[in-house]
């Protein structure tokens, strides 16, 4: 059985800025106008990050979900903190890993799965400047190879 899901937003900057170690799927606690806006694709997670409060709760911080036009006075705050739904063991594992220097948790994508909003988060280690240059060089090399095969 295949799971059908629709990707709403990708955080391409995360794979450039960090080495992504382990990925987790979490649910999102949203208000009514937020899910409507999310389904319309009006979400940005480029500057977002995950905050784990004392190893007990996980929060999505600085994610921008645009206000829904038809919600009028029942609209939501665009950059409010949103709670993530994870198992206790997963939260403890993330908490133990982020206490290590250089480790963090970043959102990689938001998608709809079975009608529910899900977020993929990754345990990540920050890249140094020379790692980023190596990534750019690999990307350019792949682009040139693709260009040459297209010409032939």
Protein backbone atom coordinates (compact mmCIF):
# COMPACT_ATOMS: atom_id res chain seq x y z
CA UNK A 1 0.00 0.00 0.00
CA UNK A 2 1.41 3.36 -0.99
CA UNK A 3 0.95 6.45 1.12
CA UNK A 4 -0.36 9.40 -0.84
CA UNK A 5 0.91 12.77 0.24
CA UNK A 6 1.08 16.22 -1.25
CA UNK A 7 4.18 18.29 -0.50
CA UNK A 8 3.25 21.85 0.46
CA UNK A 9 6.65 23.40 1.27
CA UNK A 10 10.29 22.30 1.04
CA UNK A 11 13.20 23.77 2.98
CA UNK A 12 15.97 23.49 0.37
CA UNK A 13 18.15 25.80 2.44
CA UNK A 14 18.32 23.18 5.22
CA UNK A 15 20.21 20.61 3.13
CA UNK A 16 22.67 23.31 2.07
CA UNK A 17 23.29 24.70 5.56
CA UNK A 18 23.31 21.37 7.47
CA UNK A 19 24.23 17.70 7.24
CA UNK A 20 20.85 15.99 7.74
CA UNK A 21 21.35 12.94 9.98
CA UNK A 22 18.04 11.38 11.00
CA UNK A 23 14.53 12.32 9.89
CA UNK A 24 11.28 12.22 11.86
CA UNK A 25 7.64 12.73 10.91
CA UNK A 26 5.57 14.88 13.26
CA UNK A 27 2.01 16.12 13.31
CA UNK A 28 1.20 19.83 13.54
CA UNK A 29 -1.32 21.42 15.89
CA UNK A 30 -3.04 24.07 13.74
CA UNK A 31 -6.03 26.39 13.91
CA UNK A 32 -8.79 26.25 11.27
CA UNK A 33 -7.58 29.23 9.26
CA UNK A 34 -4.01 27.87 9.34
CA UNK A 35 -4.90 24.55 7.73
CA UNK A 36 -6.89 26.37 5.03
CA UNK A 37 -3.91 28.60 4.27
CA UNK A 38 -1.56 25.61 4.35
CA UNK A 39 -3.73 23.73 1.83
CA UNK A 40 -3.52 26.80 -0.42
CA UNK A 41 0.30 26.52 -0.25
CA UNK A 42 0.88 29.81 1.57
CA UNK A 43 3.58 28.65 3.97
CA UNK A 44 7.30 29.42 4.33
CA UNK A 45 9.66 27.36 6.51
CA UNK A 46 13.00 28.75 5.29
CA UNK A 47 13.75 30.61 8.54
CA UNK A 48 11.92 28.17 10.82
CA UNK A 49 13.50 25.99 13.49
CA UNK A 50 12.42 23.46 16.11
CA UNK A 51 12.59 24.30 19.82
CA UNK A 52 12.50 21.43 22.31
CA UNK A 53 11.44 22.70 25.73
CA UNK A 54 13.26 20.79 28.50
CA UNK A 55 12.88 17.48 26.68
CA UNK A 56 9.10 17.51 27.10
CA UNK A 57 7.55 19.36 24.15
CA UNK A 58 8.59 20.22 20.62
CA UNK A 59 7.59 23.52 18.98
CA UNK A 60 7.85 24.85 15.43
CA UNK A 61 9.09 28.45 15.70
CA UNK A 62 9.24 31.25 13.07
CA UNK A 63 7.32 29.33 10.39
CA UNK A 64 5.21 31.77 8.40
CA UNK A 65 1.70 30.63 7.49
CA UNK A 66 -0.02 33.50 5.69
CA UNK A 67 -3.38 34.73 7.02
CA UNK A 68 -6.36 33.16 5.25
CA UNK A 69 -8.29 35.80 3.31
CA UNK A 70 -11.83 34.53 4.04
CA UNK A 71 -11.26 34.03 7.80
CA UNK A 72 -11.87 37.74 8.61
CA UNK A 73 -11.67 38.30 12.37
CA UNK A 74 -11.07 34.61 13.16
CA UNK A 75 -7.65 34.70 11.50
CA UNK A 76 -4.41 33.50 13.10
CA UNK A 77 -1.05 35.07 13.94
CA UNK A 78 1.25 34.28 10.96
CA UNK A 79 4.45 33.54 12.93
CA UNK A 80 3.09 32.02 16.13
CA UNK A 81 4.69 28.99 17.79
CA UNK A 82 3.03 25.71 16.76
CA UNK A 83 3.19 22.53 18.78
CA UNK A 84 4.56 19.37 17.16
CA UNK A 85 3.07 15.96 17.86
CA UNK A 86 5.84 13.42 18.48
CA UNK A 87 6.21 10.31 20.62
CA UNK A 88 7.85 10.85 24.01
CA UNK A 89 10.81 8.62 23.03
CA UNK A 90 11.40 10.70 19.91
CA UNK A 91 11.37 13.96 21.88
CA UNK A 92 13.83 12.55 24.43
CA UNK A 93 16.10 11.30 21.63
CA UNK A 94 16.08 14.72 19.95
CA UNK A 95 16.65 16.48 23.29
CA UNK A 96 19.68 14.29 24.08
CA UNK A 97 21.16 14.89 20.63
CA UNK A 98 20.72 18.69 20.52
CA UNK A 99 22.63 19.09 23.76
CA UNK A 100 25.70 18.00 21.77
CA UNK A 101 27.58 21.00 20.37
CA UNK A 102 26.74 21.77 16.74
CA UNK A 103 23.55 19.67 16.60
CA UNK A 104 20.12 21.15 15.94
CA UNK A 105 16.69 20.16 14.64
CA UNK A 106 15.39 21.77 11.43
CA UNK A 107 12.15 21.39 9.45
CA UNK A 108 12.74 19.97 5.97
CA UNK A 109 9.24 19.86 4.47
CA UNK A 110 5.53 20.21 5.21
CA UNK A 111 3.04 17.94 3.50
CA UNK A 112 -0.51 16.63 3.68
CA UNK A 113 -0.83 12.90 4.36
CA UNK A 114 -4.27 11.37 4.56
CA UNK A 115 -5.81 14.82 4.93
CA UNK A 116 -3.63 15.73 7.91
CA UNK A 117 -0.78 18.24 8.03
CA UNK A 118 2.58 16.61 8.73
CA UNK A 119 6.05 18.05 9.01
CA UNK A 120 9.31 16.25 8.36
CA UNK A 121 12.02 17.34 10.76
CA UNK A 122 15.67 16.32 10.71
CA UNK A 123 18.41 16.08 13.28
CA UNK A 124 21.18 18.15 11.71
CA UNK A 125 24.80 19.18 12.18
CA UNK A 126 25.94 22.56 10.85
CA UNK A 127 28.21 22.68 7.81
CA UNK A 128 31.42 24.68 7.72
CA UNK A 129 32.16 27.10 4.87
CA UNK A 130 34.40 24.60 3.07
CA UNK A 131 31.63 21.97 3.19
CA UNK A 132 29.26 24.43 1.54
CA UNK A 133 31.83 25.18 -1.18
CA UNK A 134 32.18 21.44 -1.83
CA UNK A 135 28.39 21.15 -2.16
CA UNK A 136 28.33 24.00 -4.68
CA UNK A 137 31.18 22.39 -6.66
CA UNK A 138 29.35 19.03 -6.82
CA UNK A 139 26.16 20.75 -7.94
CA UNK A 140 28.00 22.67 -10.70
CA UNK A 141 29.78 19.51 -11.84
CA UNK A 142 26.48 17.60 -12.07
CA UNK A 143 24.91 20.49 -13.98
CA UNK A 144 27.80 20.55 -16.48
CA UNK A 145 27.62 16.77 -16.97
CA UNK A 146 23.87 17.02 -17.59
CA UNK A 147 24.44 19.83 -20.08
CA UNK A 148 27.05 17.78 -21.98
CA UNK A 149 24.81 14.72 -22.22
CA UNK A 150 21.97 16.90 -23.49
CA UNK A 151 24.19 18.38 -26.26
CA UNK A 152 25.29 14.96 -27.55
